[in-house]
Amino acid sequence: MAKVGQRDTKPELCLRSILHGLGLRYRLYDRTLPGTPDIVFPKYKSVVFVHGCFWHAHEGCKYATVPKTRKDFWLEKFAANRKRDRKNYDALLKGGWKVLVVWECAIKGKKEPELRKVGEFVKNWLESDESFGEIGADVSLEEQPQKSKLD
């Protein structure tokens, strides 16, 4: 697991490219913030986490499978990851930051027009008053950002 890349993943690079193309400027991996967010928008006091569906156990996602071997280990690992994520989100929100989670399934296997919609959604979310949001494969990108509650 130590060899699994945590930075500059394919979904991250893809999202960053789209956001940059939309004229958005950002910082990467601010270690002073809880959870070291993948993308930081100081201008909007907002952060974006690009989560892998497998590693962060994205509920209801086809990519969030549980390995058949050492099932208990993996279930504990996923639960710990989700608990850590929630703690980081809460700390950021308390600090006045806005938090957006972009799930891998919102990006993986998508063509340029769909990816552009994801970028537009992020841009609209940054300009909205919403403090927390998520984008997954099941999110309708046609609509404006809506309130999304933490579990």
C-alpha atoms as a PDB file:
ATOM      1  CA  MET A   1       0.000   0.000   0.000  1.00  0.00           C
ATOM      2  CA  ALA A   2       2.947   2.318   0.539  1.00  0.00           C
ATOM      3  CA  LYS A   3       3.538   2.313  -3.204  1.00  0.00           C
ATOM      4  CA  VAL A   4       0.040   3.543  -3.990  1.00  0.00           C
ATOM      5  CA  GLY A   5       0.352   7.107  -5.258  1.00  0.00           C
ATOM      6  CA  GLN A   6      -1.300   9.770  -3.134  1.00  0.00           C
ATOM      7  CA  ARG A   7      -0.445  12.778  -5.263  1.00  0.00           C
ATOM      8  CA  ASP A   8      -0.810  13.621  -8.910  1.00  0.00           C
ATOM      9  CA  THR A   9      -3.213  10.753  -9.542  1.00  0.00           C
ATOM     10  CA  LYS A  10      -4.842  10.445 -12.953  1.00  0.00           C
ATOM     11  CA  PRO A  11      -8.215  11.843 -11.758  1.00  0.00           C
ATOM     12  CA  GLU A  12      -6.438  14.767 -10.030  1.00  0.00           C
ATOM     13  CA  LEU A  13      -4.382  15.644 -13.096  1.00  0.00           C
ATOM     14  CA  CYS A  14      -7.467  15.487 -15.279  1.00  0.00           C
ATOM     15  CA  LEU A  15      -9.515  17.733 -12.958  1.00  0.00           C
ATOM     16  CA  ARG A  16      -6.652  20.201 -12.554  1.00  0.00           C
ATOM     17  CA  SER A  17      -6.270  20.451 -16.321  1.00  0.00           C
ATOM     18  CA  ILE A  18      -9.983  21.167 -16.763  1.00  0.00           C
ATOM     19  CA  LEU A  19     -10.020  23.754 -13.948  1.00  0.00           C
ATOM     20  CA  HIS A  20      -6.936  25.496 -15.302  1.00  0.00           C
ATOM     21  CA  GLY A  21      -8.552  25.602 -18.734  1.00  0.00           C
ATOM     22  CA  LEU A  22     -11.533  27.357 -17.159  1.00  0.00           C
ATOM     23  CA  GLY A  23      -9.213  30.064 -15.850  1.00  0.00           C
ATOM     24  CA  LEU A  24      -9.185  28.895 -12.234  1.00  0.00           C
ATOM     25  CA  ARG A  25      -5.892  29.204 -10.378  1.00  0.00           C
ATOM     26  CA  TYR A  26      -5.085  27.143  -7.336  1.00  0.00           C
ATOM     27  CA  ARG A  27      -2.417  25.765  -5.050  1.00  0.00           C
ATOM     28  CA  LEU A  28      -1.637  22.102  -4.494  1.00  0.00           C
ATOM     29  CA  TYR A  29      -1.358  20.074  -1.293  1.00  0.00           C
ATOM     30  CA  ASP A  30      -1.318  22.782   1.383  1.00  0.00           C
ATOM     31  CA  ARG A  31       0.187  20.889   4.317  1.00  0.00           C
ATOM     32  CA  THR A  32      -0.888  23.592   6.757  1.00  0.00           C
ATOM     33  CA  LEU A  33      -4.540  22.622   6.219  1.00  0.00           C
ATOM     34  CA  PRO A  34      -6.178  19.536   7.774  1.00  0.00           C
ATOM     35  CA  GLY A  35      -6.017  16.546   5.442  1.00  0.00           C
ATOM     36  CA  THR A  36      -3.599  18.253   3.020  1.00  0.00           C
ATOM     37  CA  PRO A  37      -6.260  19.018   0.388  1.00  0.00           C
ATOM     38  CA  ASP A  38      -5.442  18.116  -3.209  1.00  0.00           C
ATOM     39  CA  ILE A  39      -6.485  21.492  -4.628  1.00  0.00           C
ATOM     40  CA  VAL A  40      -6.718  24.747  -2.674  1.00  0.00           C
ATOM     41  CA  PHE A  41      -8.411  27.928  -3.880  1.00  0.00           C
ATOM     42  CA  PRO A  42      -7.225  30.633  -1.439  1.00  0.00           C
ATOM     43  CA  LYS A  43      -9.242  33.284  -3.330  1.00  0.00           C
ATOM     44  CA  TYR A  44     -12.467  31.416  -2.499  1.00  0.00           C
ATOM     45  CA  LYS A  45     -11.193  29.969   0.801  1.00  0.00           C
ATOM     46  CA  SER A  46     -12.155  26.589  -0.633  1.00  0.00           C
ATOM     47  CA  VAL A  47     -10.527  23.184  -0.953  1.00  0.00           C
ATOM     48  CA  VAL A  48     -11.132  20.202  -3.217  1.00  0.00           C
ATOM     49  CA  PHE A  49     -10.359  16.611  -2.335  1.00  0.00           C
ATOM     50  CA  VAL A  50     -10.164  14.184  -5.257  1.00  0.00           C
ATOM     51  CA  HIS A  51     -10.968  10.837  -3.651  1.00  0.00           C
ATOM     52  CA  GLY A  52     -10.437   7.402  -5.101  1.00  0.00           C
ATOM     53  CA  CYS A  53     -13.687   5.464  -4.814  1.00  0.00           C
ATOM     54  CA  PHE A  54     -11.909   2.304  -3.649  1.00  0.00           C
ATOM     55  CA  TRP A  55      -9.689   3.842  -0.967  1.00  0.00           C
ATOM     56  CA  HIS A  56     -12.357   6.109   0.487  1.00  0.00           C
ATOM     57  CA  ALA A  57     -15.190   3.545   0.174  1.00  0.00           C
ATOM     58  CA  HIS A  58     -17.529   5.634  -1.962  1.00  0.00           C
ATOM     59  CA  GLU A  59     -20.962   4.372  -1.019  1.00  0.00           C
ATOM     60  CA  GLY A  60     -22.938   2.814  -3.862  1.00  0.00           C
ATOM     61  CA  CYS A  61     -20.117   3.158  -6.382  1.00  0.00           C
ATOM     62  CA  LYS A  62     -19.090   0.371  -8.741  1.00  0.00           C
ATOM     63  CA  TYR A  63     -15.405   1.147  -8.084  1.00  0.00           C
ATOM     64  CA  ALA A  64     -15.760   0.823  -4.289  1.00  0.00           C
ATOM     65  CA  THR A  65     -15.319  -2.919  -3.992  1.00  0.00           C
ATOM     66  CA  VAL A  66     -14.158  -4.871  -0.954  1.00  0.00           C
ATOM     67  CA  PRO A  67     -11.419  -7.425  -1.634  1.00  0.00           C
ATOM     68  CA  LYS A  68     -12.460 -11.010  -0.952  1.00  0.00           C
ATOM     69  CA  THR A  69      -9.310 -11.805   1.029  1.00  0.00           C
ATOM     70  CA  ARG A  70      -8.671 -10.240   4.453  1.00  0.00           C
ATOM     71  CA  LYS A  71     -12.132  -8.698   4.338  1.00  0.00           C
ATOM     72  CA  ASP A  72     -12.056  -7.592   8.012  1.00  0.00           C
ATOM     73  CA  PHE A  73      -8.772  -5.762   7.481  1.00  0.00           C
ATOM     74  CA  TRP A  74     -10.153  -3.889   4.491  1.00  0.00           C
ATOM     75  CA  LEU A  75     -13.418  -2.974   6.179  1.00  0.00           C
ATOM     76  CA  GLU A  76     -11.482  -1.535   9.131  1.00  0.00           C
ATOM     77  CA  LYS A  77      -9.136   0.293   6.752  1.00  0.00           C
ATOM     78  CA  PHE A  78     -12.020   1.854   4.826  1.00  0.00           C
ATOM     79  CA  ALA A  79     -13.837   2.827   8.040  1.00  0.00           C
ATOM     80  CA  ALA A  80     -10.665   4.492   9.365  1.00  0.00           C
ATOM     81  CA  ASN A  81     -10.219   6.372   6.077  1.00  0.00           C
ATOM     82  CA  ARG A  82     -13.802   7.642   6.180  1.00  0.00           C
ATOM     83  CA  LYS A  83     -13.464   8.647   9.839  1.00  0.00           C
ATOM     84  CA  ARG A  84     -10.244  10.552   9.078  1.00  0.00           C
ATOM     85  CA  ASP A  85     -11.861  12.247   6.083  1.00  0.00           C
ATOM     86  CA  ARG A  86     -14.835  13.353   8.173  1.00  0.00           C
ATOM     87  CA  LYS A  87     -12.515  14.734  10.878  1.00  0.00           C
ATOM     88  CA  ASN A  88     -10.590  16.723   8.260  1.00  0.00           C
ATOM     89  CA  TYR A  89     -13.777  18.083   6.662  1.00  0.00           C
ATOM     90  CA  ASP A  90     -15.095  19.175  10.051  1.00  0.00           C
ATOM     91  CA  ALA A  91     -11.819  20.920  10.944  1.00  0.00           C
ATOM     92  CA  LEU A  92     -11.751  22.761   7.620  1.00  0.00           C
ATOM     93  CA  LEU A  93     -15.399  23.808   7.891  1.00  0.00           C
ATOM     94  CA  LYS A  94     -14.829  25.054  11.454  1.00  0.00           C
ATOM     95  CA  GLY A  95     -11.879  27.061  10.141  1.00  0.00           C
ATOM     96  CA  GLY A  96     -14.151  28.806   7.650  1.00  0.00           C
ATOM     97  CA  TRP A  97     -13.095  26.798   4.594  1.00  0.00           C
ATOM     98  CA  LYS A  98     -15.485  25.398   2.008  1.00  0.00           C
ATOM     99  CA  VAL A  99     -14.972  21.700   1.181  1.00  0.00           C
ATOM    100  CA  LEU A 100     -15.755  19.882  -2.064  1.00  0.00           C
ATOM    101  CA  VAL A 101     -15.175  16.168  -2.629  1.00  0.00           C
ATOM    102  CA  VAL A 102     -14.795  15.040  -6.235  1.00  0.00           C
ATOM    103  CA  TRP A 103     -15.028  11.278  -6.488  1.00  0.00           C
ATOM    104  CA  GLU A 104     -12.943   9.341  -8.990  1.00  0.00           C
ATOM    105  CA  CYS A 105     -16.122   7.981 -10.658  1.00  0.00           C
ATOM    106  CA  ALA A 106     -17.106  11.519 -11.693  1.00  0.00           C
ATOM    107  CA  ILE A 107     -13.954  11.675 -13.831  1.00  0.00           C
ATOM    108  CA  LYS A 108     -12.884   8.135 -14.710  1.00  0.00           C
ATOM    109  CA  GLY A 109     -13.730   7.118 -18.266  1.00  0.00           C
ATOM    110  CA  LYS A 110     -15.476  10.395 -19.096  1.00  0.00           C
ATOM    111  CA  LYS A 111     -15.120  12.223 -22.403  1.00  0.00           C
ATOM    112  CA  GLU A 112     -14.179  15.904 -22.779  1.00  0.00           C
ATOM    113  CA  PRO A 113     -17.748  17.343 -22.713  1.00  0.00           C
ATOM    114  CA  GLU A 114     -18.594  15.464 -19.497  1.00  0.00           C
ATOM    115  CA  LEU A 115     -15.296  16.507 -17.905  1.00  0.00           C
ATOM    116  CA  ARG A 116     -15.979  20.114 -18.827  1.00  0.00           C
ATOM    117  CA  LYS A 117     -19.339  19.838 -17.025  1.00  0.00           C
ATOM    118  CA  VAL A 118     -17.510  18.641 -13.915  1.00  0.00           C
ATOM    119  CA  GLY A 119     -15.196  21.651 -14.171  1.00  0.00           C
ATOM    120  CA  GLU A 120     -18.132  24.022 -14.638  1.00  0.00           C
ATOM    121  CA  PHE A 121     -19.844  22.451 -11.621  1.00  0.00           C
ATOM    122  CA  VAL A 122     -16.713  23.057  -9.513  1.00  0.00           C
ATOM    123  CA  LYS A 123     -16.503  26.647 -10.755  1.00  0.00           C
ATOM    124  CA  ASN A 124     -20.185  27.275  -9.919  1.00  0.00           C
ATOM    125  CA  TRP A 125     -19.720  25.651  -6.506  1.00  0.00           C
ATOM    126  CA  LEU A 126     -16.737  27.895  -5.752  1.00  0.00           C
ATOM    127  CA  GLU A 127     -18.887  30.953  -6.435  1.00  0.00           C
ATOM    128  CA  SER A 128     -21.852  29.601  -4.433  1.00  0.00           C
ATOM    129  CA  ASP A 129     -22.595  29.933  -0.719  1.00  0.00           C
ATOM    130  CA  GLU A 130     -22.468  26.177  -0.148  1.00  0.00           C
ATOM    131  CA  SER A 131     -19.906  25.137   2.447  1.00  0.00           C
ATOM    132  CA  PHE A 132     -19.778  21.410   1.557  1.00  0.00           C
ATOM    133  CA  GLY A 133     -20.418  19.474  -1.628  1.00  0.00           C
ATOM    134  CA  GLU A 134     -19.717  16.234  -3.434  1.00  0.00           C
ATOM    135  CA  ILE A 135     -19.523  15.239  -7.077  1.00  0.00           C
ATOM    136  CA  GLY A 136     -19.866  11.584  -7.983  1.00  0.00           C
ATOM    137  CA  ALA A 137     -21.027   9.690 -11.041  1.00  0.00           C
ATOM    138  CA  ASP A 138     -24.608   9.944  -9.742  1.00  0.00           C
ATOM    139  CA  VAL A 139     -24.628  13.750  -9.437  1.00  0.00           C
ATOM    140  CA  SER A 140     -26.561  15.620 -12.099  1.00  0.00           C
ATOM    141  CA  LEU A 141     -24.146  18.197 -13.452  1.00  0.00           C
ATOM    142  CA  GLU A 142     -26.933  20.036 -15.232  1.00  0.00           C
ATOM    143  CA  GLU A 143     -28.082  21.676 -12.022  1.00  0.00           C
ATOM    144  CA  GLN A 144     -26.471  24.320  -9.893  1.00  0.00           C
ATOM    145  CA  PRO A 145     -24.647  23.100  -6.777  1.00  0.00           C
ATOM    146  CA  GLN A 146     -27.077  22.021  -4.099  1.00  0.00           C
ATOM    147  CA  LYS A 147     -26.606  21.611  -0.400  1.00  0.00           C
ATOM    148  CA  SER A 148     -24.951  18.363   0.462  1.00  0.00           C
ATOM    149  CA  LYS A 149     -24.863  17.258   4.074  1.00  0.00           C
ATOM    150  CA  LEU A 150     -22.113  15.389   5.814  1.00  0.00           C
ATOM    151  CA  ASP A 151     -23.228  11.957   7.048  1.00  0.00           C
END
